[in-house]
């Protein structure tokens, strides 16, 4: 049975599969028996019945192919995916034929991180009609993943054969390290605060007063001083700023649970620093990411952490850039995983993960 299904699949199309249903096996057995009887007896009625049964097989193949060929499929996935957090996947099915409807189509999806999943059954899809099927998927670990085939199958019209069309929609996604609480690293969230440059409309501390200009905000007018001086005086404010936090993730070592746990802690520390508005630069032995103060700019570092692997520390491009920045800022954070810090480490805070 398996050999026959393989031969049928190979002969039809590389993106097509053809399987006999239990009803189809019975029908084929009757067809072969009728052919043998017709050959042995030579009776015209048996030849006519044999031709009728063969025509049913031919009609079934033509109609099922017309159903599957008229369908187009599109899959949409989110740009950002985090491990252990479900994300939505949207599959859009459309009948592109102008006059003909399609019937009895099963839709399934598959990837390299979950087995084939049945999404739904379309009883009828009218000409030009679109239908959307959504579901939630989830990856357990960080890394690169791929969604492969969308599987369309039908037993239309008689149920003797199940014809399958594989739509090659290979969508790649990168899963960021999972989110978790990091209470032992709360102290690293504080940058070194200092007063920033003068600003006219934003800030927290009043630096001085000056005569008002035509484009100044009236909410900044200091009314008491204006009344004493006889002219409008406005406040100049200072904005509170943070020194950048320079993080280095020591990705030397070997693969295992300890390394994965350290990657997750580093990613969560990056998220927390970006959430509090502290500019943060991030480095590994191979890469260096410049200071950033918002989530969009931190995405590059998170993507690097999603794909980072243990290294021997032979390439030191990122380490040298981090040493220069740490020396300039008079401090940084060295996230130690397994191996002891190098002897050329600049003045910084060492945190064992």
Foldseek 3Di string as FASTA:
>chain_A
DVVVQVVVCVVPDVQKGKDFDPVLVVLVVVLVVLVVVCVVPVDVVSVVVNVVSVVVVVVQVVLQCVQVVQKDKDKDWDQAAAAPDKGKIKMKIWRADAADKHAWKWKWWQWPQDHIDTFDTGGIHGHGRMDMTMDIDHHHAWAKIWTFWIKIWGCPDPNRMIMIGTDGDIDMHTHFYHDDDDVVCPVVLAFDKDWDDKDQPDADAFDDKDFDDPPGDPVQWDVVVCVVVVGTIGTIHIHMAGDEAEEEEEQADADDPLSRVLLNVVLNSLVSNLVVQHFYWYFYQADTQDTDNHDVSCVVVRRCSSHDHHDNSPRRPRVVVSQVVCVVSVEHEYEARPDDDDPPRDDYHYDYD
